[in-house]
Structure formats: C-alpha cells, structure tokens
C-alpha cells in the first residue's frame, strides 16, 4: 500500500512510502486524539478503537518530513500482534510489486526504518517501511 507523508525538508516535495498490505489492519478518518504526557518523540497521542488502546504516531515526523497540519487519514497497522496507528497525508494506491522492482535499502538507510526501495513504472521511488523496525522503536522496556 502506498501513501504520502508531509513534505521533504530538503526539497519541499511529497515523498512516497509503502508498507506491506498484510500489516494494514484498517484505514480510517483520524478520530480525536488523547494526548499523552511525556510521550516519546513522534507519538501524537492515543485512541480507543473498538475497546483497544492504540498509540498514534506522526509518521512524517519519524521519517524526517515536515508534518502536514491536517493529517486526516490514519492507518492502523498490526505486526506480530502489536498495533500502532500512523497519521499520513494521503493513501495513494495498493499495488502488487514484482520482486524485480524491489531493491534492498542501502545499509546506511536501514536505520531509518526502510526495508526496501521499489522502482515504480512512472519513475518514482517507493520507500517501503519495515513495520517491525517502526514498532520496535516504541517497544516498552522489558
């Protein structure tokens, strides 16, 4: 699934990100968020979704993008039984990518939560997120 976030601090353009559709639980309009005192950087609050409390992450902030003022779309992701909601600007498309289009993210970029880079037919690059890495950033101390 492809989506856009904020704007690039360096170039002012919207960047295209993606994630495995199997990690997406649902896409919905962003409800009213409850703020959390002393929340980690990027956590904008929490929501109760059908009785489950879910942290809400400003994904643009985590990815180093200028955040949009009106993140009206929220993607609820679930990876290995952990859930997280992410604020995004737009959901672009759901595409099936041929393995030949996927490139391993260079090692210096993997710390930024990227799993791979995809060459799209229109010449754009799709940055595919590693949801395990994103979720591990907010893992409570054991």
C-alpha atoms as a PDB file:
ATOM      1  CA  UNK A   1       0.000   0.000   0.000  1.00  0.00           C
ATOM      2  CA  UNK A   2       1.402   3.398  -0.975  1.00  0.00           C
ATOM      3  CA  UNK A   3       0.889   6.644   0.934  1.00  0.00           C
ATOM      4  CA  UNK A   4       2.359  10.130   1.172  1.00  0.00           C
ATOM      5  CA  UNK A   5       3.725  11.997   4.162  1.00  0.00           C
ATOM      6  CA  UNK A   6       4.326  15.688   4.752  1.00  0.00           C
ATOM      7  CA  UNK A   7       6.958  17.317   2.582  1.00  0.00           C
ATOM      8  CA  UNK A   8      10.674  16.743   2.282  1.00  0.00           C
ATOM      9  CA  UNK A   9      12.628  19.206   4.426  1.00  0.00           C
ATOM     10  CA  UNK A  10      15.379  19.265   1.795  1.00  0.00           C
ATOM     11  CA  UNK A  11      13.347  19.538  -1.414  1.00  0.00           C
ATOM     12  CA  UNK A  12       9.815  20.520  -0.469  1.00  0.00           C
ATOM     13  CA  UNK A  13       8.319  17.538  -2.316  1.00  0.00           C
ATOM     14  CA  UNK A  14       5.929  14.884  -1.039  1.00  0.00           C
ATOM     15  CA  UNK A  15       7.656  11.573  -0.525  1.00  0.00           C
ATOM     16  CA  UNK A  16       6.035   8.258  -1.381  1.00  0.00           C
ATOM     17  CA  UNK A  17       6.141   5.477   1.197  1.00  0.00           C
ATOM     18  CA  UNK A  18       4.731   1.992   1.255  1.00  0.00           C
ATOM     19  CA  UNK A  19       4.075  -0.886   3.570  1.00  0.00           C
ATOM     20  CA  UNK A  20       3.058  -4.500   3.224  1.00  0.00           C
ATOM     21  CA  UNK A  21      -0.730  -4.606   2.917  1.00  0.00           C
ATOM     22  CA  UNK A  22      -0.741  -7.604   5.272  1.00  0.00           C
ATOM     23  CA  UNK A  23       0.429  -5.257   8.063  1.00  0.00           C
ATOM     24  CA  UNK A  24      -2.561  -2.938   7.476  1.00  0.00           C
ATOM     25  CA  UNK A  25      -5.495  -3.626   9.729  1.00  0.00           C
ATOM     26  CA  UNK A  26      -7.614  -0.683   8.574  1.00  0.00           C
ATOM     27  CA  UNK A  27      -7.612   2.834   7.146  1.00  0.00           C
ATOM     28  CA  UNK A  28      -9.925   5.439   8.633  1.00  0.00           C
ATOM     29  CA  UNK A  29     -10.503   9.126   9.223  1.00  0.00           C
ATOM     30  CA  UNK A  30      -8.427  10.314  12.165  1.00  0.00           C
ATOM     31  CA  UNK A  31     -10.573  10.497  15.287  1.00  0.00           C
ATOM     32  CA  UNK A  32      -9.956  12.925  18.141  1.00  0.00           C
ATOM     33  CA  UNK A  33      -6.652  12.001  19.785  1.00  0.00           C
ATOM     34  CA  UNK A  34      -5.970  11.905  23.501  1.00  0.00           C
ATOM     35  CA  UNK A  35      -2.568  13.391  24.256  1.00  0.00           C
ATOM     36  CA  UNK A  36      -0.115  11.525  26.452  1.00  0.00           C
ATOM     37  CA  UNK A  37       2.156  13.432  28.843  1.00  0.00           C
ATOM     38  CA  UNK A  38       5.883  12.727  28.306  1.00  0.00           C
ATOM     39  CA  UNK A  39       5.186  10.612  25.200  1.00  0.00           C
ATOM     40  CA  UNK A  40       8.175   9.565  23.075  1.00  0.00           C
ATOM     41  CA  UNK A  41       9.096  11.799  20.134  1.00  0.00           C
ATOM     42  CA  UNK A  42       6.646  11.308  17.273  1.00  0.00           C
ATOM     43  CA  UNK A  43       3.826   9.895  19.384  1.00  0.00           C
ATOM     44  CA  UNK A  44       0.903  12.277  18.974  1.00  0.00           C
ATOM     45  CA  UNK A  45      -1.448  10.568  21.377  1.00  0.00           C
ATOM     46  CA  UNK A  46      -3.701   7.548  21.621  1.00  0.00           C
ATOM     47  CA  UNK A  47      -7.127   6.384  20.532  1.00  0.00           C
ATOM     48  CA  UNK A  48      -9.534   3.711  21.658  1.00  0.00           C
ATOM     49  CA  UNK A  49     -10.507   1.607  18.675  1.00  0.00           C
ATOM     50  CA  UNK A  50     -13.241  -0.888  19.497  1.00  0.00           C
ATOM     51  CA  UNK A  51     -12.024  -1.038  23.087  1.00  0.00           C
ATOM     52  CA  UNK A  52      -8.305  -1.380  22.267  1.00  0.00           C
ATOM     53  CA  UNK A  53      -5.985   1.491  23.230  1.00  0.00           C
ATOM     54  CA  UNK A  54      -3.621   2.224  20.332  1.00  0.00           C
ATOM     55  CA  UNK A  55      -0.707   4.686  20.261  1.00  0.00           C
ATOM     56  CA  UNK A  56      -0.828   7.157  17.360  1.00  0.00           C
ATOM     57  CA  UNK A  57       2.410   8.056  15.616  1.00  0.00           C
ATOM     58  CA  UNK A  58       3.093  11.109  13.439  1.00  0.00           C
ATOM     59  CA  UNK A  59       4.901   9.063  10.819  1.00  0.00           C
ATOM     60  CA  UNK A  60       6.098  12.129   8.893  1.00  0.00           C
ATOM     61  CA  UNK A  61       7.938  13.328  11.987  1.00  0.00           C
ATOM     62  CA  UNK A  62       9.596   9.936  12.446  1.00  0.00           C
ATOM     63  CA  UNK A  63      10.697   9.925   8.799  1.00  0.00           C
ATOM     64  CA  UNK A  64      12.140  13.454   8.961  1.00  0.00           C
ATOM     65  CA  UNK A  65       9.408  15.117   6.910  1.00  0.00           C
ATOM     66  CA  UNK A  66       7.714  18.434   7.590  1.00  0.00           C
ATOM     67  CA  UNK A  67       4.389  17.399   9.061  1.00  0.00           C
ATOM     68  CA  UNK A  68       1.134  18.407   7.457  1.00  0.00           C
ATOM     69  CA  UNK A  69      -1.246  20.451   9.535  1.00  0.00           C
ATOM     70  CA  UNK A  70      -4.231  18.219   8.867  1.00  0.00           C
ATOM     71  CA  UNK A  71      -3.413  14.516   8.976  1.00  0.00           C
ATOM     72  CA  UNK A  72      -6.953  13.334   8.351  1.00  0.00           C
ATOM     73  CA  UNK A  73      -6.076   9.752   7.473  1.00  0.00           C
ATOM     74  CA  UNK A  74      -4.967   7.164   9.990  1.00  0.00           C
ATOM     75  CA  UNK A  75      -3.573   3.750   9.092  1.00  0.00           C
ATOM     76  CA  UNK A  76      -3.840   1.123  11.811  1.00  0.00           C
ATOM     77  CA  UNK A  77      -1.021  -1.375  11.432  1.00  0.00           C
ATOM     78  CA  UNK A  78      -0.535  -4.688  13.159  1.00  0.00           C
ATOM     79  CA  UNK A  79       2.751  -6.553  13.103  1.00  0.00           C
ATOM     80  CA  UNK A  80       3.404  -9.652  15.205  1.00  0.00           C
ATOM     81  CA  UNK A  81       0.339  -8.923  17.371  1.00  0.00           C
ATOM     82  CA  UNK A  82       1.392  -5.325  18.125  1.00  0.00           C
ATOM     83  CA  UNK A  83      -0.755  -2.433  16.902  1.00  0.00           C
ATOM     84  CA  UNK A  84       0.123   1.139  16.077  1.00  0.00           C
ATOM     85  CA  UNK A  85      -1.811   3.886  14.312  1.00  0.00           C
ATOM     86  CA  UNK A  86       0.041   6.202  11.940  1.00  0.00           C
ATOM     87  CA  UNK A  87      -1.042   9.597  10.648  1.00  0.00           C
ATOM     88  CA  UNK A  88      -0.488  10.065   6.898  1.00  0.00           C
ATOM     89  CA  UNK A  89      -1.436  12.719   4.346  1.00  0.00           C
ATOM     90  CA  UNK A  90      -2.938  10.522   1.640  1.00  0.00           C
ATOM     91  CA  UNK A  91      -3.340   6.871   0.791  1.00  0.00           C
ATOM     92  CA  UNK A  92      -2.184   6.681  -2.807  1.00  0.00           C
ATOM     93  CA  UNK A  93      -2.768   3.187  -4.116  1.00  0.00           C
ATOM     94  CA  UNK A  94      -2.491  -0.509  -3.444  1.00  0.00           C
ATOM     95  CA  UNK A  95      -0.149  -2.181  -5.897  1.00  0.00           C
ATOM     96  CA  UNK A  96       1.354  -5.584  -6.386  1.00  0.00           C
ATOM     97  CA  UNK A  97       5.095  -5.172  -6.847  1.00  0.00           C
ATOM     98  CA  UNK A  98       7.157  -7.582  -8.874  1.00  0.00           C
ATOM     99  CA  UNK A  99      10.208  -8.794  -6.926  1.00  0.00           C
ATOM    100  CA  UNK A 100      12.430  -7.358  -9.672  1.00  0.00           C
ATOM    101  CA  UNK A 101      11.205  -3.851  -8.754  1.00  0.00           C
ATOM    102  CA  UNK A 102      12.364  -4.161  -5.127  1.00  0.00           C
ATOM    103  CA  UNK A 103      15.886  -3.179  -4.146  1.00  0.00           C
ATOM    104  CA  UNK A 104      17.469  -3.723  -0.772  1.00  0.00           C
ATOM    105  CA  UNK A 105      17.744  -0.420   1.067  1.00  0.00           C
ATOM    106  CA  UNK A 106      21.399   0.633   1.394  1.00  0.00           C
ATOM    107  CA  UNK A 107      22.742  -0.234   4.877  1.00  0.00           C
ATOM    108  CA  UNK A 108      23.122   3.416   5.869  1.00  0.00           C
ATOM    109  CA  UNK A 109      19.366   3.921   5.259  1.00  0.00           C
ATOM    110  CA  UNK A 110      18.012   0.891   7.113  1.00  0.00           C
ATOM    111  CA  UNK A 111      18.300   2.658  10.477  1.00  0.00           C
ATOM    112  CA  UNK A 112      15.596   4.965   9.113  1.00  0.00           C
ATOM    113  CA  UNK A 113      13.056   2.113   9.171  1.00  0.00           C
ATOM    114  CA  UNK A 114      13.324   1.269   5.462  1.00  0.00           C
ATOM    115  CA  UNK A 115      13.110  -2.328   4.335  1.00  0.00           C
ATOM    116  CA  UNK A 116      13.467  -1.793   0.603  1.00  0.00           C
ATOM    117  CA  UNK A 117      13.176   0.670  -2.250  1.00  0.00           C
ATOM    118  CA  UNK A 118      10.932   0.000  -5.247  1.00  0.00           C
ATOM    119  CA  UNK A 119      11.373   1.387  -8.769  1.00  0.00           C
ATOM    120  CA  UNK A 120       7.879   2.258  -9.982  1.00  0.00           C
ATOM    121  CA  UNK A 121       6.933   2.279 -13.663  1.00  0.00           C
ATOM    122  CA  UNK A 122       6.387   6.059 -13.582  1.00  0.00           C
ATOM    123  CA  UNK A 123       9.991   6.687 -12.456  1.00  0.00           C
ATOM    124  CA  UNK A 124       9.218   7.412  -8.798  1.00  0.00           C
ATOM    125  CA  UNK A 125      10.918   5.602  -5.938  1.00  0.00           C
ATOM    126  CA  UNK A 126       8.757   3.982  -3.288  1.00  0.00           C
ATOM    127  CA  UNK A 127      10.298   3.723   0.181  1.00  0.00           C
ATOM    128  CA  UNK A 128       8.949   0.515   1.744  1.00  0.00           C
ATOM    129  CA  UNK A 129       8.800   0.640   5.543  1.00  0.00           C
ATOM    130  CA  UNK A 130       9.919  -2.144   7.838  1.00  0.00           C
ATOM    131  CA  UNK A 131       6.993  -2.184  10.274  1.00  0.00           C
ATOM    132  CA  UNK A 132       8.920  -4.382  12.710  1.00  0.00           C
ATOM    133  CA  UNK A 133      11.557  -1.641  12.929  1.00  0.00           C
ATOM    134  CA  UNK A 134       8.975   1.128  13.358  1.00  0.00           C
ATOM    135  CA  UNK A 135       7.196  -0.775  16.125  1.00  0.00           C
ATOM    136  CA  UNK A 136      10.442  -1.738  17.862  1.00  0.00           C
ATOM    137  CA  UNK A 137      11.263   1.948  18.316  1.00  0.00           C
ATOM    138  CA  UNK A 138       8.280   2.168  20.654  1.00  0.00           C
ATOM    139  CA  UNK A 139       8.734  -1.145  22.420  1.00  0.00           C
ATOM    140  CA  UNK A 140       8.340  -0.778  26.183  1.00  0.00           C
ATOM    141  CA  UNK A 141      11.393  -1.612  28.288  1.00  0.00           C
ATOM    142  CA  UNK A 142      11.405  -5.206  29.484  1.00  0.00           C
END
